Amino acid sequence: MTMTPFSIAGIQMPVSAGTENVTAMAKRLDVLMLRFPWVQMVVFSELCAFGPVPKHAQPMPGPAETAFCEMAARHRVWLIPGSIFECRDDGVYNTAPIINPHGAVIARYRKMFPFRPYEADIAPGREFAVFDVPDVGRFGVSICYDMWFPETTRQLVSLGAEVILHPTLTDTIDRDVELPIARASAAINQCYFFDVNGVGDGGTGRSIVIDPSGNVLYEAGRGAEMIPIEIDLDRVRRERARGVRGLGQTLKSFRDRPVDFPVYQRSTPTESYLQSLGPLTKWTRETQAEAAQPTHAAAPQHETAQPPPFATLHTAAQK
């Protein structure tokens, strides 16, 4: 069996929502590369640069992204510096730049599923992001809440992604739910899955790395950690050829499926039921009290227009 090794480090670090963290990120990266100079790619957590505060949004390219490009070039590493809030003419996005070892931005991934209703003012992206590391393999990027919608990971994998890089910011009580979701995402899609969380204002830690057999390679604690791990891309190819642990060949079965799922057709009865669940809004004490009242009214049925199809962003990166 051949081997295609590649080294990725997640950096789980304290994040402040009151001050910028770009300077601290640079220092953490300096220390990481001093201690582990064999690392080839580095991933930070979601919104690591400024914390979950939209007022710090800036255009891209912009000052923060420029600083990240300089870091990548200085250390000659692939860098996914988490994400920042990006100002655009049509709104504010949660955006992760993908930077090559020359310090060039080869793609930007905009989070498709903002954590609504809590991130109601953040616009959703519409393009998937996969990129190639020459002579190594194909990588895909998603952000935090995207993982809760398995279609996002399945789409990246269907575009050829062998490793999913997943910056996240989870500071809530559902981190224990996300860990098995990450593990299932890796096993179902026969890929490596790097889920990197922050600490402090940037999360409760417990970053996790899973291999294509669904094995947990490492789960971090709740403090600051550096997580350098060498992976083998040929493990992915072998799992996809022979099946997870020599068993289920899930991607081939999905490819050969006998049905196209009606849930994705918005004009079906399934969509009518989903509409009956009510608006996507943040609950208050008042709405909670109203929901507790008995009701016998029939659920309304609505028709919604078919949205435009998702675009695909596929960049063949140059080393």
Protein backbone atom coordinates (compact mmCIF):
# COMPACT_ATOMS: atom_id res chain seq x y z
CA MET A 1 0.00 0.00 0.00
CA THR A 2 1.34 3.42 -0.96
CA MET A 3 1.32 6.39 1.38
CA THR A 4 0.59 10.06 0.73
CA PRO A 5 1.50 11.80 4.01
CA PHE A 6 0.51 15.36 4.83
CA SER A 7 0.80 17.24 8.12
CA ILE A 8 -1.96 19.48 9.45
CA ALA A 9 -2.03 21.36 12.76
CA GLY A 10 -5.09 22.78 14.42
CA ILE A 11 -4.52 25.67 16.81
CA GLN A 12 -7.04 25.86 19.65
CA MET A 13 -6.39 29.19 21.33
CA PRO A 14 -8.04 31.79 23.57
CA VAL A 15 -10.17 34.24 21.60
CA SER A 16 -11.21 37.66 22.84
CA ALA A 17 -14.30 39.48 21.63
CA GLY A 18 -12.99 42.75 23.05
CA THR A 19 -9.59 43.04 21.37
CA GLU A 20 -8.06 41.85 18.13
CA ASN A 21 -6.49 38.40 18.16
CA VAL A 22 -4.49 38.58 14.94
CA THR A 23 -1.28 39.44 16.82
CA ALA A 24 -1.79 36.49 19.17
CA MET A 25 -2.51 34.20 16.20
CA ALA A 26 0.82 35.19 14.64
CA LYS A 27 2.65 34.40 17.86
CA ARG A 28 0.94 31.03 18.21
CA LEU A 29 1.85 30.20 14.63
CA ASP A 30 5.48 31.20 15.24
CA VAL A 31 5.68 28.87 18.24
CA LEU A 32 3.95 26.04 16.40
CA MET A 33 6.37 26.20 13.48
CA LEU A 34 9.37 26.48 15.79
CA ARG A 35 8.35 23.33 17.63
CA PHE A 36 6.90 21.38 14.71
CA PRO A 37 8.63 22.60 11.52
CA TRP A 38 7.30 19.61 9.57
CA VAL A 39 3.72 20.94 9.64
CA GLN A 40 2.44 21.83 6.14
CA MET A 41 -1.02 23.27 6.86
CA VAL A 42 -2.48 25.18 9.82
CA VAL A 43 -6.13 25.67 10.75
CA PHE A 44 -7.47 28.16 13.32
CA SER A 45 -11.00 28.33 14.76
CA GLU A 46 -13.98 30.23 13.37
CA LEU A 47 -13.90 34.03 13.90
CA CYS A 48 -10.61 33.66 15.73
CA ALA A 49 -9.26 37.01 14.56
CA PHE A 50 -11.82 39.27 16.27
CA GLY A 51 -14.29 37.02 18.02
CA PRO A 52 -18.03 36.79 17.23
CA VAL A 53 -18.51 40.53 16.87
CA PRO A 54 -19.87 41.73 13.48
CA LYS A 55 -18.79 45.33 14.15
CA HIS A 56 -15.23 44.23 13.35
CA ALA A 57 -16.24 43.23 9.81
CA GLN A 58 -13.84 44.34 7.09
CA PRO A 59 -13.50 43.91 3.34
CA MET A 60 -11.48 41.10 1.82
CA PRO A 61 -8.80 41.68 0.81
CA GLY A 62 -8.26 43.81 3.88
CA PRO A 63 -5.84 44.35 6.78
CA ALA A 64 -6.51 41.06 8.58
CA GLU A 65 -6.33 38.93 5.46
CA THR A 66 -3.11 40.67 4.44
CA ALA A 67 -1.60 39.81 7.81
CA PHE A 68 -2.61 36.17 7.36
CA CYS A 69 -1.03 36.08 3.90
CA GLU A 70 2.23 37.35 5.39
CA MET A 71 2.11 34.63 8.07
CA ALA A 72 1.58 31.88 5.49
CA ALA A 73 4.40 33.12 3.29
CA ARG A 74 6.79 33.55 6.22
CA HIS A 75 6.32 29.96 7.34
CA ARG A 76 5.63 28.51 3.88
CA VAL A 77 2.46 26.76 5.02
CA TRP A 78 -1.09 26.42 3.81
CA LEU A 79 -3.18 28.54 6.15
CA ILE A 80 -6.88 28.56 6.96
CA PRO A 81 -6.95 31.29 9.64
CA GLY A 82 -10.45 30.50 10.80
CA SER A 83 -12.84 33.13 9.49
CA ILE A 84 -13.67 36.80 9.85
CA PHE A 85 -16.80 38.82 9.23
CA GLU A 86 -16.47 40.17 5.70
CA CYS A 87 -18.10 43.40 4.49
CA ARG A 88 -19.57 43.21 1.00
CA ASP A 89 -21.99 45.39 -0.89
CA ASP A 90 -24.80 42.88 -0.34
CA GLY A 91 -24.20 42.18 3.35
CA VAL A 92 -21.86 40.80 5.99
CA TYR A 93 -20.56 37.25 5.54
CA ASN A 94 -18.67 34.82 7.76
CA THR A 95 -15.72 34.10 5.48
CA ALA A 96 -12.69 31.82 5.65
CA PRO A 97 -9.78 32.63 3.32
CA ILE A 98 -7.69 29.76 1.98
CA ILE A 99 -4.06 30.85 1.65
CA ASN A 100 -1.25 28.94 -0.06
CA PRO A 101 2.40 28.75 1.08
CA HIS A 102 3.29 31.69 -1.16
CA GLY A 103 0.88 33.92 0.76
CA ALA A 104 -1.74 34.07 -2.00
CA VAL A 105 -5.48 33.75 -1.32
CA ILE A 106 -6.67 31.00 -3.66
CA ALA A 107 -10.30 30.95 -2.49
CA ARG A 108 -12.68 32.33 0.11
CA TYR A 109 -15.41 30.21 1.62
CA ARG A 110 -18.50 31.98 2.96
CA LYS A 111 -20.45 30.06 5.59
CA MET A 112 -23.65 28.70 4.07
CA PHE A 113 -25.57 28.20 7.30
CA PRO A 114 -25.17 31.11 9.73
CA PHE A 115 -26.34 30.04 13.19
CA ARG A 116 -29.84 31.43 12.83
CA PRO A 117 -31.74 32.90 14.49
CA TYR A 118 -28.76 33.95 16.62
CA GLU A 119 -26.78 35.17 13.59
CA ALA A 120 -29.78 36.72 11.87
CA ASP A 121 -27.78 39.60 10.35
CA ILE A 122 -25.14 37.40 8.67
CA ALA A 123 -25.70 36.62 5.00
CA PRO A 124 -25.34 32.99 3.83
CA GLY A 125 -22.80 32.04 1.19
CA ARG A 126 -23.73 30.06 -1.91
CA GLU A 127 -20.44 28.59 -3.18
CA PHE A 128 -18.74 25.40 -2.05
CA ALA A 129 -14.97 25.55 -1.72
CA VAL A 130 -12.62 22.71 -2.59
CA PHE A 131 -8.95 23.11 -3.46
CA ASP A 132 -6.04 20.92 -4.48
CA VAL A 133 -2.70 20.63 -2.74
CA PRO A 134 -0.44 19.49 -5.59
CA ASP A 135 0.78 15.91 -5.35
CA VAL A 136 -1.23 15.42 -2.16
CA GLY A 137 -5.00 15.57 -2.61
CA ARG A 138 -8.18 17.61 -2.51
CA PHE A 139 -9.46 19.51 0.52
CA GLY A 140 -12.85 21.02 1.34
CA VAL A 141 -13.80 23.80 3.76
CA SER A 142 -16.94 24.28 5.82
CA ILE A 143 -17.63 26.37 8.91
CA CYS A 144 -19.26 25.46 12.23
CA TYR A 145 -23.06 25.16 11.81
CA ASP A 146 -22.61 23.92 8.22
CA MET A 147 -21.76 20.55 9.74
CA TRP A 148 -25.29 20.17 11.10
CA PHE A 149 -26.51 19.97 7.50
CA PRO A 150 -24.92 16.78 6.15
CA GLU A 151 -25.61 17.85 2.59
CA THR A 152 -22.75 20.36 2.84
CA THR A 153 -20.16 17.71 3.64
CA ARG A 154 -21.62 15.28 1.11
CA GLN A 155 -21.38 17.97 -1.60
CA LEU A 156 -17.73 18.69 -0.79
CA VAL A 157 -16.93 14.99 -0.88
CA SER A 158 -18.85 14.56 -4.14
CA LEU A 159 -16.55 17.25 -5.55
CA GLY A 160 -13.61 15.05 -4.55
CA ALA A 161 -12.66 16.40 -1.10
CA GLU A 162 -10.63 13.87 0.88
CA VAL A 163 -10.10 16.08 3.93
CA ILE A 164 -12.68 18.45 5.44
CA LEU A 165 -11.25 21.48 7.25
CA HIS A 166 -13.87 22.77 9.65
CA PRO A 167 -13.19 25.88 11.78
CA THR A 168 -15.87 26.22 14.44
CA LEU A 169 -16.88 28.51 17.29
CA THR A 170 -18.97 26.58 19.78
CA ASP A 171 -19.30 28.20 23.18
CA THR A 172 -22.68 26.65 23.91
CA ILE A 173 -23.95 23.53 25.69
CA ASP A 174 -24.23 21.50 22.48
CA ARG A 175 -20.52 20.82 21.99
CA ASP A 176 -21.07 17.25 23.16
CA VAL A 177 -23.59 16.85 20.31
CA GLU A 178 -21.19 18.21 17.72
CA LEU A 179 -18.45 15.69 18.49
CA PRO A 180 -20.44 12.67 17.26
CA ILE A 181 -21.67 14.70 14.29
CA ALA A 182 -18.05 15.32 13.31
CA ARG A 183 -17.22 11.65 13.74
CA ALA A 184 -20.25 10.55 11.73
CA SER A 185 -19.38 13.05 9.00
CA ALA A 186 -15.95 11.47 8.61
CA ALA A 187 -17.22 7.88 8.61
CA ILE A 188 -20.21 8.46 6.33
CA ASN A 189 -18.07 10.32 3.80
CA GLN A 190 -14.87 8.29 4.27
CA CYS A 191 -12.69 11.35 4.81
CA TYR A 192 -10.50 13.03 7.40
CA PHE A 193 -12.36 15.66 9.40
CA PHE A 194 -10.53 18.45 11.26
CA ASP A 195 -12.92 20.32 13.57
CA VAL A 196 -11.03 23.17 15.28
CA ASN A 197 -12.75 25.11 18.06
CA GLY A 198 -11.51 28.07 20.12
CA VAL A 199 -11.59 28.82 23.85
CA GLY A 200 -12.65 31.85 25.88
CA ASP A 201 -14.95 34.05 23.81
CA GLY A 202 -14.17 31.72 20.91
CA GLY A 203 -15.55 28.46 22.26
CA THR A 204 -15.31 25.69 24.81
CA GLY A 205 -12.46 23.83 23.12
CA ARG A 206 -12.62 20.06 22.56
CA SER A 207 -11.38 20.28 18.97
CA ILE A 208 -11.46 16.88 17.30
CA VAL A 209 -9.73 15.08 14.42
CA ILE A 210 -11.25 11.94 12.88
CA ASP A 211 -9.89 9.55 10.26
CA PRO A 212 -11.84 8.04 7.32
CA SER A 213 -12.67 4.92 9.35
CA GLY A 214 -14.44 7.03 11.98
CA ASN A 215 -11.63 6.66 14.51
CA VAL A 216 -10.91 9.66 16.73
CA LEU A 217 -7.27 10.54 16.18
CA TYR A 218 -7.34 13.23 18.86
CA GLU A 219 -9.79 15.15 21.02
CA ALA A 220 -8.47 18.27 22.71
CA GLY A 221 -9.31 19.47 26.20
CA ARG A 222 -10.83 22.82 27.10
CA GLY A 223 -7.63 24.87 27.17
CA ALA A 224 -5.16 26.17 24.63
CA GLU A 225 -3.57 23.42 22.54
CA MET A 226 -1.56 22.83 19.39
CA ILE A 227 -2.70 19.77 17.46
CA PRO A 228 -0.13 18.67 14.84
CA ILE A 229 -1.15 15.43 13.11
CA GLU A 230 0.24 13.64 10.06
CA ILE A 231 -2.46 12.05 7.91
CA ASP A 232 -2.27 9.64 4.98
CA LEU A 233 -4.44 10.53 1.99
CA ASP A 234 -4.10 7.00 0.62
CA ARG A 235 -6.10 5.85 3.64
CA VAL A 236 -9.04 7.81 2.23
CA ARG A 237 -8.64 6.26 -1.22
CA ARG A 238 -8.42 2.76 0.20
CA GLU A 239 -11.46 3.26 2.45
CA ARG A 240 -13.47 4.57 -0.48
CA ALA A 241 -12.44 1.63 -2.64
CA ARG A 242 -12.92 -1.14 -0.06
CA GLY A 243 -15.41 0.38 2.39
CA VAL A 244 -15.29 1.78 5.92
CA ARG A 245 -13.17 -0.73 7.85
CA GLY A 246 -13.58 -3.02 4.84
CA LEU A 247 -17.38 -2.86 5.13
CA GLY A 248 -19.86 -0.24 3.90
CA GLN A 249 -18.94 1.50 0.62
CA THR A 250 -21.15 4.50 1.33
CA LEU A 251 -20.04 6.85 -1.43
CA LYS A 252 -20.51 4.20 -4.11
CA SER A 253 -23.91 3.33 -2.69
CA PHE A 254 -24.91 6.99 -2.72
CA ARG A 255 -23.68 7.31 -6.30
CA ASP A 256 -25.74 4.27 -7.33
CA ARG A 257 -28.85 5.32 -5.38
CA PRO A 258 -32.19 4.39 -6.98
CA VAL A 259 -33.98 7.55 -5.86
CA ASP A 260 -33.61 11.32 -5.98
CA PHE A 261 -34.77 12.60 -2.62
CA PRO A 262 -38.06 14.53 -2.80
CA VAL A 263 -37.14 16.50 0.33
CA TYR A 264 -34.98 18.71 -1.90
CA GLN A 265 -37.94 19.66 -4.12
CA ARG A 266 -39.54 22.61 -2.38
CA SER A 267 -42.95 22.09 -4.00
CA THR A 268 -43.53 18.71 -2.35
CA PRO A 269 -45.69 17.95 0.71
CA THR A 270 -42.50 17.66 2.73
CA GLU A 271 -41.90 21.36 2.24
CA SER A 272 -45.43 22.11 3.41
CA TYR A 273 -44.75 20.31 6.68
CA LEU A 274 -41.49 22.20 7.19
CA GLN A 275 -43.33 25.47 6.64
CA SER A 276 -45.79 24.48 9.38
CA LEU A 277 -42.97 24.56 11.94
CA GLY A 278 -43.21 28.35 12.10
CA PRO A 279 -40.77 31.19 11.48
CA LEU A 280 -37.04 30.95 12.16
CA THR A 281 -36.86 33.46 15.02
CA LYS A 282 -35.17 33.69 18.40
CA TRP A 283 -37.47 32.63 21.20
CA THR A 284 -38.34 34.94 24.07
CA ARG A 285 -40.22 34.32 27.31
CA GLU A 286 -43.34 35.63 25.58
CA THR A 287 -43.14 33.31 22.58
CA GLN A 288 -42.35 30.39 24.86
CA ALA A 289 -45.50 31.10 26.87
CA GLU A 290 -47.59 31.39 23.70
CA ALA A 291 -46.26 28.06 22.42
CA ALA A 292 -47.36 26.39 25.65
CA GLN A 293 -51.02 27.25 24.94
CA PRO A 294 -53.06 24.41 23.36
CA THR A 295 -54.09 24.92 19.74
CA HIS A 296 -56.34 22.97 17.41
CA ALA A 297 -55.89 25.10 14.31
CA ALA A 298 -54.70 23.37 11.18
CA ALA A 299 -51.14 24.14 10.23
CA PRO A 300 -50.91 26.58 7.32
CA GLN A 301 -49.42 25.39 4.07
CA HIS A 302 -47.24 27.64 1.98
CA GLU A 303 -45.61 27.52 -1.39
CA THR A 304 -42.14 28.92 -1.80
CA ALA A 305 -40.31 29.78 -4.95
CA GLN A 306 -37.52 27.52 -6.16
CA PRO A 307 -34.23 29.20 -5.24
CA PRO A 308 -31.38 29.47 -7.72
CA PRO A 309 -29.02 26.50 -7.67
CA PHE A 310 -25.88 26.54 -5.57
CA ALA A 311 -22.71 27.44 -7.39
CA THR A 312 -19.50 25.49 -7.02
CA LEU A 313 -16.13 27.05 -6.37
CA HIS A 314 -13.30 24.73 -7.37
CA THR A 315 -9.78 26.07 -7.37
CA ALA A 316 -6.78 24.07 -8.54
CA ALA A 317 -4.14 25.63 -6.32
CA GLN A 318 -0.57 26.15 -7.42
CA LYS A 319 2.21 25.17 -5.09
